[in-house]
Amino acid sequence: MGSTNEWSQLKKVIVGTADYAKIPPMTKSLRCVNYADRKDTSDIVHGLYPQQVIDEANEDLEIFVDFLKSESIEVVRPRKTDVEYYNYCPRDVLLRYDNTTLAAPMSLEARQHEWKNYLNCAAPIRISERCSYSDEQYNEGCIGDREQLALNEYSPMFDAANVIRANNDLLYLVSNTGNKLGAKSLQNLLNQPKNPFEDEKNIKVHLLEGVYSYIHIDSTVAFLREGLMLLNPERIKDKSVLPAPFCNWDAIFCPEPVDIGYYGNYCNASTWINMNLLSINENLVCLEENQTNLAKELEKYGIESKLLPTRHQRTLGGGFHCVTLDLDRE
């Protein structure tokens, strides 16, 4: 068993943990990738997140895990060990395709070894690329300029959350966390035969460019089922900007999200993180509990929403899609 799309019946999933979540010391990669929109980063607090954030995030994750188990879904969790960044968002770090788990060549130097914390959940894990994290990889011209991306085309680099899957077609966001060389490398990796007797593959990685420069794809596009997707109308005005074959899919344009706020000065996601959903199957998704307008919109397409708390998804930068990695779907 494995997973090649975002919507088939979920059978087994990794759910992250907020323990030891922290903001690492400022480096060139962190400055360019996470804080390109800020002219001044002097107010960024480094070190562990406040204990209240960690405790409340973990409480919400436990409620989520209980729901998944009630749906007969097997849940595995990473070890609660000290980390350089966090183990809150396995989707950022690992890409599951078929029965292979790839460790992404992460855009942040502080996260380059984070995949090792999931060896108890998804071994074996295949390393997709080795990164040098040299100065040539990063473009400081991106600071304060959304037209310039943080990553140069120096070597392949991408976060796994730059990718969503629709069986043989993957959509890849070119952004501050994924360059074009990363997409090319990913396509080559996925099409490599595992043995001489394996049938030829035809997996295509399609580039989504010029719609959103910051971070990951799953607050911009969500695949709900074959031929149906959820789009962020602030970033994607019309389906025509999407690569084939996705421009022919039916689209739901997400209603304005309900802002649930964030803790103190710890803001790591826009309000659009509230469209960051996890599909249990084609007819059921998990949504942040205040997003009732989106739930009503999905209901028109026969999709039920389980509304659950994720109080710190803006604080920690991760909704239900981010904090999970589906290992097995039917």
C-alpha atoms as a PDB file:
ATOM      1  CA  MET A   1       0.000   0.000   0.000  1.00  0.00           C
ATOM      2  CA  GLY A   2       1.049   3.630  -0.341  1.00  0.00           C
ATOM      3  CA  SER A   3      -0.304   7.006  -1.356  1.00  0.00           C
ATOM      4  CA  THR A   4      -0.305   8.755  -4.738  1.00  0.00           C
ATOM      5  CA  ASN A   5      -3.093  11.308  -4.319  1.00  0.00           C
ATOM      6  CA  GLU A   6      -4.658  13.628  -1.756  1.00  0.00           C
ATOM      7  CA  TRP A   7      -8.189  12.179  -1.579  1.00  0.00           C
ATOM      8  CA  SER A   8      -8.474   8.353  -1.567  1.00  0.00           C
ATOM      9  CA  GLN A   9      -9.605   6.722   1.685  1.00  0.00           C
ATOM     10  CA  LEU A  10      -6.961   7.409   4.330  1.00  0.00           C
ATOM     11  CA  LYS A  11      -5.646   4.301   6.116  1.00  0.00           C
ATOM     12  CA  LYS A  12      -2.423   5.337   7.866  1.00  0.00           C
ATOM     13  CA  VAL A  13      -1.021   8.773   8.691  1.00  0.00           C
ATOM     14  CA  ILE A  14       1.782  10.518  10.557  1.00  0.00           C
ATOM     15  CA  VAL A  15       0.637  13.304  12.891  1.00  0.00           C
ATOM     16  CA  GLY A  16       3.281  15.732  14.146  1.00  0.00           C
ATOM     17  CA  THR A  17       3.979  17.008  17.634  1.00  0.00           C
ATOM     18  CA  ALA A  18       4.578  20.530  18.980  1.00  0.00           C
ATOM     19  CA  ASP A  19       7.116  19.437  21.603  1.00  0.00           C
ATOM     20  CA  TYR A  20      10.407  21.388  21.485  1.00  0.00           C
ATOM     21  CA  ALA A  21       9.132  23.647  18.654  1.00  0.00           C
ATOM     22  CA  LYS A  22      11.459  26.598  18.280  1.00  0.00           C
ATOM     23  CA  ILE A  23      12.629  29.413  16.032  1.00  0.00           C
ATOM     24  CA  PRO A  24      16.336  28.868  15.313  1.00  0.00           C
ATOM     25  CA  PRO A  25      19.002  31.592  15.256  1.00  0.00           C
ATOM     26  CA  MET A  26      18.932  33.809  12.163  1.00  0.00           C
ATOM     27  CA  THR A  27      20.871  32.503   9.165  1.00  0.00           C
ATOM     28  CA  LYS A  28      20.846  33.544   5.534  1.00  0.00           C
ATOM     29  CA  SER A  29      18.435  30.732   4.673  1.00  0.00           C
ATOM     30  CA  LEU A  30      16.008  31.656   7.481  1.00  0.00           C
ATOM     31  CA  ARG A  31      16.194  35.368   6.604  1.00  0.00           C
ATOM     32  CA  CYS A  32      15.491  34.826   2.909  1.00  0.00           C
ATOM     33  CA  VAL A  33      12.955  32.005   3.137  1.00  0.00           C
ATOM     34  CA  ASN A  34      10.842  32.738   6.228  1.00  0.00           C
ATOM     35  CA  TYR A  35      11.204  36.472   6.603  1.00  0.00           C
ATOM     36  CA  ALA A  36      11.575  37.874   3.080  1.00  0.00           C
ATOM     37  CA  ASP A  37       8.456  39.978   3.653  1.00  0.00           C
ATOM     38  CA  ARG A  38      10.045  41.799   6.629  1.00  0.00           C
ATOM     39  CA  LYS A  39      12.459  44.687   6.274  1.00  0.00           C
ATOM     40  CA  ASP A  40      13.282  44.442   9.978  1.00  0.00           C
ATOM     41  CA  THR A  41      13.660  41.166  11.875  1.00  0.00           C
ATOM     42  CA  SER A  42      14.884  42.615  15.165  1.00  0.00           C
ATOM     43  CA  ASP A  43      11.604  41.678  16.853  1.00  0.00           C
ATOM     44  CA  ILE A  44      11.918  37.978  15.967  1.00  0.00           C
ATOM     45  CA  VAL A  45      12.292  35.968  19.184  1.00  0.00           C
ATOM     46  CA  HIS A  46      14.568  32.958  18.812  1.00  0.00           C
ATOM     47  CA  GLY A  47      14.351  29.821  20.898  1.00  0.00           C
ATOM     48  CA  LEU A  48      11.463  27.709  22.138  1.00  0.00           C
ATOM     49  CA  TYR A  49       7.896  28.787  21.508  1.00  0.00           C
ATOM     50  CA  PRO A  50       6.006  29.747  24.687  1.00  0.00           C
ATOM     51  CA  GLN A  51       4.953  26.693  26.686  1.00  0.00           C
ATOM     52  CA  GLN A  52       1.288  27.728  26.391  1.00  0.00           C
ATOM     53  CA  VAL A  53       1.534  27.463  22.599  1.00  0.00           C
ATOM     54  CA  ILE A  54       3.189  24.045  22.770  1.00  0.00           C
ATOM     55  CA  ASP A  55       0.707  22.693  25.316  1.00  0.00           C
ATOM     56  CA  GLU A  56      -2.401  23.978  23.526  1.00  0.00           C
ATOM     57  CA  ALA A  57      -1.139  22.824  20.120  1.00  0.00           C
ATOM     58  CA  ASN A  58      -0.541  19.348  21.544  1.00  0.00           C
ATOM     59  CA  GLU A  59      -4.018  19.309  23.127  1.00  0.00           C
ATOM     60  CA  ASP A  60      -5.545  20.064  19.718  1.00  0.00           C
ATOM     61  CA  LEU A  61      -3.400  17.412  18.035  1.00  0.00           C
ATOM     62  CA  GLU A  62      -4.665  14.825  20.540  1.00  0.00           C
ATOM     63  CA  ILE A  63      -8.282  15.725  19.695  1.00  0.00           C
ATOM     64  CA  PHE A  64      -7.405  15.345  16.013  1.00  0.00           C
ATOM     65  CA  VAL A  65      -5.709  11.970  16.619  1.00  0.00           C
ATOM     66  CA  ASP A  66      -8.742  10.713  18.549  1.00  0.00           C
ATOM     67  CA  PHE A  67     -10.961  11.631  15.594  1.00  0.00           C
ATOM     68  CA  LEU A  68      -8.674   9.862  13.110  1.00  0.00           C
ATOM     69  CA  LYS A  69      -8.670   6.722  15.239  1.00  0.00           C
ATOM     70  CA  SER A  70     -12.465   6.849  15.439  1.00  0.00           C
ATOM     71  CA  GLU A  71     -12.418   6.650  11.625  1.00  0.00           C
ATOM     72  CA  SER A  72     -10.294   3.445  11.851  1.00  0.00           C
ATOM     73  CA  ILE A  73      -7.173   5.277  10.621  1.00  0.00           C
ATOM     74  CA  GLU A  74      -3.818   4.134  11.988  1.00  0.00           C
ATOM     75  CA  VAL A  75      -1.853   7.031  13.478  1.00  0.00           C
ATOM     76  CA  VAL A  76       1.901   7.145  14.058  1.00  0.00           C
ATOM     77  CA  ARG A  77       3.762   9.950  15.832  1.00  0.00           C
ATOM     78  CA  PRO A  78       7.391  11.148  15.719  1.00  0.00           C
ATOM     79  CA  ARG A  79       9.572  10.782  18.784  1.00  0.00           C
ATOM     80  CA  LYS A  80       9.408  13.694  21.202  1.00  0.00           C
ATOM     81  CA  THR A  81      13.052  14.698  20.952  1.00  0.00           C
ATOM     82  CA  ASP A  82      14.794  18.070  20.965  1.00  0.00           C
ATOM     83  CA  VAL A  83      15.080  19.515  17.453  1.00  0.00           C
ATOM     84  CA  GLU A  84      16.556  22.504  15.621  1.00  0.00           C
ATOM     85  CA  TYR A  85      13.167  23.644  14.290  1.00  0.00           C
ATOM     86  CA  TYR A  86      10.175  21.367  15.012  1.00  0.00           C
ATOM     87  CA  ASN A  87       8.355  18.097  14.332  1.00  0.00           C
ATOM     88  CA  TYR A  88       5.002  19.821  13.977  1.00  0.00           C
ATOM     89  CA  CYS A  89       4.689  19.572  10.179  1.00  0.00           C
ATOM     90  CA  PRO A  90       5.836  16.237   8.700  1.00  0.00           C
ATOM     91  CA  ARG A  91       4.282  17.321   5.363  1.00  0.00           C
ATOM     92  CA  ASP A  92       7.019  19.964   5.039  1.00  0.00           C
ATOM     93  CA  VAL A  93       9.820  17.444   5.263  1.00  0.00           C
ATOM     94  CA  LEU A  94       8.659  14.163   3.720  1.00  0.00           C
ATOM     95  CA  LEU A  95       7.044  13.399   0.367  1.00  0.00           C
ATOM     96  CA  ARG A  96       5.120  10.153   0.129  1.00  0.00           C
ATOM     97  CA  TYR A  97       4.588   8.755  -3.353  1.00  0.00           C
ATOM     98  CA  ASP A  98       3.351   5.200  -3.852  1.00  0.00           C
ATOM     99  CA  ASN A  99       5.212   3.244  -1.155  1.00  0.00           C
ATOM    100  CA  THR A 100       8.330   5.433  -1.203  1.00  0.00           C
ATOM    101  CA  THR A 101       9.012   8.166   1.351  1.00  0.00           C
ATOM    102  CA  LEU A 102      11.400  10.880   0.193  1.00  0.00           C
ATOM    103  CA  ALA A 103      13.305  13.258   2.478  1.00  0.00           C
ATOM    104  CA  ALA A 104      13.065  16.631   0.744  1.00  0.00           C
ATOM    105  CA  PRO A 105      16.136  18.854   0.226  1.00  0.00           C
ATOM    106  CA  MET A 106      14.741  21.461   2.620  1.00  0.00           C
ATOM    107  CA  SER A 107      15.094  25.167   1.934  1.00  0.00           C
ATOM    108  CA  LEU A 108      16.036  25.925   5.559  1.00  0.00           C
ATOM    109  CA  GLU A 109      19.428  24.764   6.736  1.00  0.00           C
ATOM    110  CA  ALA A 110      18.016  24.246  10.258  1.00  0.00           C
ATOM    111  CA  ARG A 111      15.625  21.596   8.876  1.00  0.00           C
ATOM    112  CA  GLN A 112      18.060  19.566   6.774  1.00  0.00           C
ATOM    113  CA  HIS A 113      18.183  16.670   9.269  1.00  0.00           C
ATOM    114  CA  GLU A 114      14.570  16.849  10.459  1.00  0.00           C
ATOM    115  CA  TRP A 115      13.602  13.792   8.385  1.00  0.00           C
ATOM    116  CA  LYS A 116      15.597  11.580  10.754  1.00  0.00           C
ATOM    117  CA  ASN A 117      13.044  12.252  13.498  1.00  0.00           C
ATOM    118  CA  TYR A 118      10.465  10.293  11.473  1.00  0.00           C
ATOM    119  CA  LEU A 119      12.466   7.099  11.027  1.00  0.00           C
ATOM    120  CA  ASN A 120      10.264   5.402  13.622  1.00  0.00           C
ATOM    121  CA  CYS A 121       7.203   6.337  11.517  1.00  0.00           C
ATOM    122  CA  ALA A 122       8.128   5.760   7.897  1.00  0.00           C
ATOM    123  CA  ALA A 123      11.395   3.868   7.482  1.00  0.00           C
ATOM    124  CA  PRO A 124      12.990   3.394   5.073  1.00  0.00           C
ATOM    125  CA  ILE A 125      13.265   7.034   4.006  1.00  0.00           C
ATOM    126  CA  ARG A 126      15.044   7.819   0.766  1.00  0.00           C
ATOM    127  CA  ILE A 127      17.171  10.992   0.617  1.00  0.00           C
ATOM    128  CA  SER A 128      16.221  12.910  -2.521  1.00  0.00           C
ATOM    129  CA  GLU A 129      19.107  15.402  -2.699  1.00  0.00           C
ATOM    130  CA  ARG A 130      22.067  16.560  -0.636  1.00  0.00           C
ATOM    131  CA  CYS A 131      22.180  20.348  -0.138  1.00  0.00           C
ATOM    132  CA  SER A 132      25.228  22.527   0.405  1.00  0.00           C
ATOM    133  CA  TYR A 133      23.364  25.533   1.893  1.00  0.00           C
ATOM    134  CA  SER A 134      26.029  27.793   0.433  1.00  0.00           C
ATOM    135  CA  ASP A 135      25.462  31.538   0.051  1.00  0.00           C
ATOM    136  CA  GLU A 136      25.026  31.061  -3.710  1.00  0.00           C
ATOM    137  CA  GLN A 137      21.775  29.167  -3.048  1.00  0.00           C
ATOM    138  CA  TYR A 138      19.980  32.229  -1.640  1.00  0.00           C
ATOM    139  CA  ASN A 139      18.940  35.513  -3.218  1.00  0.00           C
ATOM    140  CA  GLU A 140      18.952  38.379  -0.718  1.00  0.00           C
ATOM    141  CA  GLY A 141      17.246  40.530  -3.350  1.00  0.00           C
ATOM    142  CA  CYS A 142      14.007  38.788  -2.345  1.00  0.00           C
ATOM    143  CA  ILE A 143      13.862  40.727   0.927  1.00  0.00           C
ATOM    144  CA  GLY A 144      10.972  43.138   0.604  1.00  0.00           C
ATOM    145  CA  ASP A 145      10.391  42.238  -3.055  1.00  0.00           C
ATOM    146  CA  ARG A 146       7.767  39.596  -3.819  1.00  0.00           C
ATOM    147  CA  GLU A 147       8.809  39.517  -7.472  1.00  0.00           C
ATOM    148  CA  GLN A 148      12.133  37.954  -6.531  1.00  0.00           C
ATOM    149  CA  LEU A 149      12.353  34.445  -5.110  1.00  0.00           C
ATOM    150  CA  ALA A 150      14.557  33.400  -2.205  1.00  0.00           C
ATOM    151  CA  LEU A 151      16.160  30.432  -3.989  1.00  0.00           C
ATOM    152  CA  ASN A 152      18.557  30.755  -6.896  1.00  0.00           C
ATOM    153  CA  GLU A 153      18.785  27.985  -9.488  1.00  0.00           C
ATOM    154  CA  TYR A 154      22.110  26.943  -7.998  1.00  0.00           C
ATOM    155  CA  SER A 155      21.222  23.405  -6.940  1.00  0.00           C
ATOM    156  CA  PRO A 156      17.959  21.442  -6.484  1.00  0.00           C
ATOM    157  CA  MET A 157      16.025  22.468  -3.390  1.00  0.00           C
ATOM    158  CA  PHE A 158      12.391  22.067  -2.325  1.00  0.00           C
ATOM    159  CA  ASP A 159      10.214  21.455   0.695  1.00  0.00           C
ATOM    160  CA  ALA A 160       7.903  18.467   0.347  1.00  0.00           C
ATOM    161  CA  ALA A 161       4.929  20.764   1.042  1.00  0.00           C
ATOM    162  CA  ASN A 162       5.583  22.513  -2.279  1.00  0.00           C
ATOM    163  CA  VAL A 163       3.972  19.455  -3.880  1.00  0.00           C
ATOM    164  CA  ILE A 164       0.454  18.001  -4.033  1.00  0.00           C
ATOM    165  CA  ARG A 165      -0.343  14.748  -5.826  1.00  0.00           C
ATOM    166  CA  ALA A 166      -2.958  13.654  -8.340  1.00  0.00           C
ATOM    167  CA  ASN A 167      -1.668  10.163  -9.152  1.00  0.00           C
ATOM    168  CA  ASN A 168       0.643  10.484 -12.193  1.00  0.00           C
ATOM    169  CA  ASP A 169       0.423  14.289 -12.143  1.00  0.00           C
ATOM    170  CA  LEU A 170       2.023  16.340  -9.360  1.00  0.00           C
ATOM    171  CA  LEU A 171       1.590  20.089  -8.926  1.00  0.00           C
ATOM    172  CA  TYR A 172       4.749  21.872  -7.759  1.00  0.00           C
ATOM    173  CA  LEU A 173       4.812  25.475  -6.529  1.00  0.00           C
ATOM    174  CA  VAL A 174       7.892  27.438  -7.557  1.00  0.00           C
ATOM    175  CA  SER A 175       8.382  29.672  -4.519  1.00  0.00           C
ATOM    176  CA  ASN A 176      10.757  30.652  -1.736  1.00  0.00           C
ATOM    177  CA  THR A 177      10.785  26.987  -0.697  1.00  0.00           C
ATOM    178  CA  GLY A 178      11.144  25.311  -4.085  1.00  0.00           C
ATOM    179  CA  ASN A 179      13.180  26.106  -7.195  1.00  0.00           C
ATOM    180  CA  LYS A 180      12.822  24.756 -10.740  1.00  0.00           C
ATOM    181  CA  LEU A 181      15.870  22.542 -10.366  1.00  0.00           C
ATOM    182  CA  GLY A 182      14.100  20.910  -7.431  1.00  0.00           C
ATOM    183  CA  ALA A 183      11.087  20.082  -9.611  1.00  0.00           C
ATOM    184  CA  LYS A 184      13.299  18.595 -12.318  1.00  0.00           C
ATOM    185  CA  SER A 185      15.166  16.515  -9.740  1.00  0.00           C
ATOM    186  CA  LEU A 186      11.900  15.289  -8.229  1.00  0.00           C
ATOM    187  CA  GLN A 187      10.525  14.169 -11.583  1.00  0.00           C
ATOM    188  CA  ASN A 188      13.732  12.271 -12.324  1.00  0.00           C
ATOM    189  CA  LEU A 189      13.641  10.591  -8.918  1.00  0.00           C
ATOM    190  CA  LEU A 190      10.013   9.508  -9.171  1.00  0.00           C
ATOM    191  CA  ASN A 191      10.522   8.031 -12.637  1.00  0.00           C
ATOM    192  CA  GLN A 192      13.624   6.034 -11.751  1.00  0.00           C
ATOM    193  CA  PRO A 193      12.843   2.294 -11.907  1.00  0.00           C
ATOM    194  CA  LYS A 194      13.469   0.476  -8.643  1.00  0.00           C
ATOM    195  CA  ASN A 195      14.576  -2.643 -10.519  1.00  0.00           C
ATOM    196  CA  PRO A 196      15.180  -3.711 -14.154  1.00  0.00           C
ATOM    197  CA  PHE A 197      11.810  -5.486 -14.316  1.00  0.00           C
ATOM    198  CA  GLU A 198       9.679  -2.515 -13.298  1.00  0.00           C
ATOM    199  CA  ASP A 199       7.370  -1.023 -15.929  1.00  0.00           C
ATOM    200  CA  GLU A 200       8.297   2.362 -17.384  1.00  0.00           C
ATOM    201  CA  LYS A 201       6.826   5.242 -15.378  1.00  0.00           C
ATOM    202  CA  ASN A 202       5.257   8.431 -16.675  1.00  0.00           C
ATOM    203  CA  ILE A 203       5.017  10.656 -13.612  1.00  0.00           C
ATOM    204  CA  LYS A 204       4.936  14.360 -14.453  1.00  0.00           C
ATOM    205  CA  VAL A 205       5.777  17.264 -12.159  1.00  0.00           C
ATOM    206  CA  HIS A 206       3.916  20.378 -13.353  1.00  0.00           C
ATOM    207  CA  LEU A 207       5.184  23.834 -12.379  1.00  0.00           C
ATOM    208  CA  LEU A 208       2.869  26.439 -10.833  1.00  0.00           C
ATOM    209  CA  GLU A 209       4.632  29.789 -11.186  1.00  0.00           C
ATOM    210  CA  GLY A 210       3.969  33.440 -10.514  1.00  0.00           C
ATOM    211  CA  VAL A 211       0.987  33.019  -8.171  1.00  0.00           C
ATOM    212  CA  TYR A 212       2.535  32.939  -4.672  1.00  0.00           C
ATOM    213  CA  SER A 213       6.162  33.438  -3.754  1.00  0.00           C
ATOM    214  CA  TYR A 214       6.092  32.515  -0.072  1.00  0.00           C
ATOM    215  CA  ILE A 215       6.463  29.003   1.292  1.00  0.00           C
ATOM    216  CA  HIS A 216       4.177  26.058   0.445  1.00  0.00           C
ATOM    217  CA  ILE A 217       1.353  25.136  -1.927  1.00  0.00           C
ATOM    218  CA  ASP A 218      -1.324  23.870   0.462  1.00  0.00           C
ATOM    219  CA  SER A 219      -2.797  27.254   1.342  1.00  0.00           C
ATOM    220  CA  THR A 220      -3.104  28.035  -2.379  1.00  0.00           C
ATOM    221  CA  VAL A 221      -4.441  24.821  -3.963  1.00  0.00           C
ATOM    222  CA  ALA A 222      -6.044  21.727  -2.419  1.00  0.00           C
ATOM    223  CA  PHE A 223      -7.086  18.654  -4.416  1.00  0.00           C
ATOM    224  CA  LEU A 224     -10.424  17.330  -3.153  1.00  0.00           C
ATOM    225  CA  ARG A 225     -11.031  14.484  -5.592  1.00  0.00           C
ATOM    226  CA  GLU A 226     -10.201  13.631  -9.193  1.00  0.00           C
ATOM    227  CA  GLY A 227     -11.268  16.680 -11.222  1.00  0.00           C
ATOM    228  CA  LEU A 228     -12.185  18.933  -8.251  1.00  0.00           C
ATOM    229  CA  MET A 229      -9.959  21.376  -6.384  1.00  0.00           C
ATOM    230  CA  LEU A 230     -10.123  24.213  -3.871  1.00  0.00           C
ATOM    231  CA  LEU A 231      -8.386  27.448  -4.905  1.00  0.00           C
ATOM    232  CA  ASN A 232      -7.239  30.549  -3.051  1.00  0.00           C
ATOM    233  CA  PRO A 233      -8.935  33.409  -4.966  1.00  0.00           C
ATOM    234  CA  GLU A 234      -6.435  35.981  -3.720  1.00  0.00           C
ATOM    235  CA  ARG A 235      -3.588  34.159  -5.454  1.00  0.00           C
ATOM    236  CA  ILE A 236      -5.318  32.333  -8.313  1.00  0.00           C
ATOM    237  CA  LYS A 237      -7.799  34.586 -10.081  1.00  0.00           C
ATOM    238  CA  ASP A 238      -8.598  32.144 -12.858  1.00  0.00           C
ATOM    239  CA  LYS A 239      -7.968  28.447 -13.572  1.00  0.00           C
ATOM    240  CA  SER A 240      -6.107  29.399 -16.739  1.00  0.00           C
ATOM    241  CA  VAL A 241      -2.963  30.144 -14.698  1.00  0.00           C
ATOM    242  CA  LEU A 242      -2.756  26.480 -13.723  1.00  0.00           C
ATOM    243  CA  PRO A 243      -0.734  24.041 -15.813  1.00  0.00           C
ATOM    244  CA  ALA A 244      -2.437  21.314 -17.810  1.00  0.00           C
ATOM    245  CA  PRO A 245      -4.217  19.095 -16.866  1.00  0.00           C
ATOM    246  CA  PHE A 246      -5.411  21.021 -13.800  1.00  0.00           C
ATOM    247  CA  CYS A 247      -6.824  24.026 -15.664  1.00  0.00           C
ATOM    248  CA  ASN A 248      -9.632  21.715 -16.837  1.00  0.00           C
ATOM    249  CA  TRP A 249     -10.656  20.657 -13.337  1.00  0.00           C
ATOM    250  CA  ASP A 250     -13.724  22.039 -11.573  1.00  0.00           C
ATOM    251  CA  ALA A 251     -12.775  24.645  -8.980  1.00  0.00           C
ATOM    252  CA  ILE A 252     -14.235  25.855  -5.703  1.00  0.00           C
ATOM    253  CA  PHE A 253     -12.935  29.315  -4.847  1.00  0.00           C
ATOM    254  CA  CYS A 254     -12.389  29.461  -1.111  1.00  0.00           C
ATOM    255  CA  PRO A 255     -14.528  32.009   0.757  1.00  0.00           C
ATOM    256  CA  GLU A 256     -12.755  34.609   2.890  1.00  0.00           C
ATOM    257  CA  PRO A 257     -11.278  32.693   5.823  1.00  0.00           C
ATOM    258  CA  VAL A 258     -12.192  33.446   9.431  1.00  0.00           C
ATOM    259  CA  ASP A 259      -9.094  34.860  11.113  1.00  0.00           C
ATOM    260  CA  ILE A 260      -8.388  32.910  14.316  1.00  0.00           C
ATOM    261  CA  GLY A 261      -5.387  35.108  15.171  1.00  0.00           C
ATOM    262  CA  TYR A 262      -1.997  34.100  16.532  1.00  0.00           C
ATOM    263  CA  TYR A 263      -0.076  34.157  19.785  1.00  0.00           C
ATOM    264  CA  GLY A 264       1.807  37.353  20.667  1.00  0.00           C
ATOM    265  CA  ASN A 265       4.280  38.260  17.943  1.00  0.00           C
ATOM    266  CA  TYR A 266       4.499  34.681  16.611  1.00  0.00           C
ATOM    267  CA  CYS A 267       2.820  34.931  13.221  1.00  0.00           C
ATOM    268  CA  ASN A 268       4.035  32.281  10.766  1.00  0.00           C
ATOM    269  CA  ALA A 269       1.101  32.018   8.359  1.00  0.00           C
ATOM    270  CA  SER A 270      -1.523  34.207   6.721  1.00  0.00           C
ATOM    271  CA  THR A 271      -5.245  33.753   7.310  1.00  0.00           C
ATOM    272  CA  TRP A 272      -5.268  31.480   4.228  1.00  0.00           C
ATOM    273  CA  ILE A 273      -3.752  28.711   6.339  1.00  0.00           C
ATOM    274  CA  ASN A 274      -7.398  28.167   7.280  1.00  0.00           C
ATOM    275  CA  MET A 275      -8.028  26.457   3.903  1.00  0.00           C
ATOM    276  CA  ASN A 276      -5.301  23.968   4.793  1.00  0.00           C
ATOM    277  CA  LEU A 277      -7.434  20.837   5.024  1.00  0.00           C
ATOM    278  CA  LEU A 278      -6.847  17.108   5.186  1.00  0.00           C
ATOM    279  CA  SER A 279      -9.026  14.787   3.107  1.00  0.00           C
ATOM    280  CA  ILE A 280     -10.076  11.632   4.921  1.00  0.00           C
ATOM    281  CA  ASN A 281     -11.722  10.521   1.685  1.00  0.00           C
ATOM    282  CA  GLU A 282     -13.545  12.112  -1.268  1.00  0.00           C
ATOM    283  CA  ASN A 283     -16.526  12.990   0.926  1.00  0.00           C
ATOM    284  CA  LEU A 284     -14.942  14.006   4.251  1.00  0.00           C
ATOM    285  CA  VAL A 285     -12.295  16.574   5.196  1.00  0.00           C
ATOM    286  CA  CYS A 286     -10.865  17.995   8.423  1.00  0.00           C
ATOM    287  CA  LEU A 287     -11.131  21.786   8.759  1.00  0.00           C
ATOM    288  CA  GLU A 288     -10.274  24.354  11.424  1.00  0.00           C
ATOM    289  CA  GLU A 289     -13.385  24.669  13.583  1.00  0.00           C
ATOM    290  CA  ASN A 290     -14.229  28.299  12.716  1.00  0.00           C
ATOM    291  CA  GLN A 291     -14.252  27.846   8.934  1.00  0.00           C
ATOM    292  CA  THR A 292     -18.002  27.287   8.665  1.00  0.00           C
ATOM    293  CA  ASN A 293     -18.353  29.278   5.421  1.00  0.00           C
ATOM    294  CA  LEU A 294     -15.886  26.981   3.687  1.00  0.00           C
ATOM    295  CA  ALA A 295     -17.656  23.958   5.171  1.00  0.00           C
ATOM    296  CA  LYS A 296     -20.955  25.169   3.664  1.00  0.00           C
ATOM    297  CA  GLU A 297     -19.290  25.631   0.267  1.00  0.00           C
ATOM    298  CA  LEU A 298     -17.810  22.132   0.337  1.00  0.00           C
ATOM    299  CA  GLU A 299     -21.190  20.718   1.347  1.00  0.00           C
ATOM    300  CA  LYS A 300     -22.580  21.838  -2.029  1.00  0.00           C
ATOM    301  CA  TYR A 301     -20.236  19.279  -3.607  1.00  0.00           C
ATOM    302  CA  GLY A 302     -21.187  16.459  -1.250  1.00  0.00           C
ATOM    303  CA  ILE A 303     -18.141  16.949   0.990  1.00  0.00           C
ATOM    304  CA  GLU A 304     -18.693  16.849   4.739  1.00  0.00           C
ATOM    305  CA  SER A 305     -16.348  18.771   7.043  1.00  0.00           C
ATOM    306  CA  LYS A 306     -15.212  17.657  10.479  1.00  0.00           C
ATOM    307  CA  LEU A 307     -14.574  20.951  12.293  1.00  0.00           C
ATOM    308  CA  LEU A 308     -11.769  20.584  14.830  1.00  0.00           C
ATOM    309  CA  PRO A 309      -9.618  22.995  16.877  1.00  0.00           C
ATOM    310  CA  THR A 310      -6.160  24.038  15.716  1.00  0.00           C
ATOM    311  CA  ARG A 311      -5.696  27.165  17.809  1.00  0.00           C
ATOM    312  CA  HIS A 312      -2.088  27.770  16.797  1.00  0.00           C
ATOM    313  CA  GLN A 313      -2.027  27.020  13.085  1.00  0.00           C
ATOM    314  CA  ARG A 314      -1.124  30.653  12.324  1.00  0.00           C
ATOM    315  CA  THR A 315       1.327  30.760  15.237  1.00  0.00           C
ATOM    316  CA  LEU A 316       3.196  27.596  14.255  1.00  0.00           C
ATOM    317  CA  GLY A 317       2.493  27.718  10.523  1.00  0.00           C
ATOM    318  CA  GLY A 318       0.544  24.521   9.973  1.00  0.00           C
ATOM    319  CA  GLY A 319      -3.057  23.363   9.455  1.00  0.00           C
ATOM    320  CA  PHE A 320      -4.371  19.817   9.142  1.00  0.00           C
ATOM    321  CA  HIS A 321      -2.626  19.115   5.817  1.00  0.00           C
ATOM    322  CA  CYS A 322       0.677  20.431   7.163  1.00  0.00           C
ATOM    323  CA  VAL A 323       0.662  18.529  10.458  1.00  0.00           C
ATOM    324  CA  THR A 324       0.093  15.191   8.732  1.00  0.00           C
ATOM    325  CA  LEU A 325       1.684  12.914   6.180  1.00  0.00           C
ATOM    326  CA  ASP A 326      -0.594  10.271   4.666  1.00  0.00           C
ATOM    327  CA  LEU A 327       1.395   7.064   4.398  1.00  0.00           C
ATOM    328  CA  ASP A 328      -1.345   4.769   3.097  1.00  0.00           C
ATOM    329  CA  ARG A 329      -4.545   5.431   1.163  1.00  0.00           C
ATOM    330  CA  GLU A 330      -6.765   2.832  -0.476  1.00  0.00           C
END
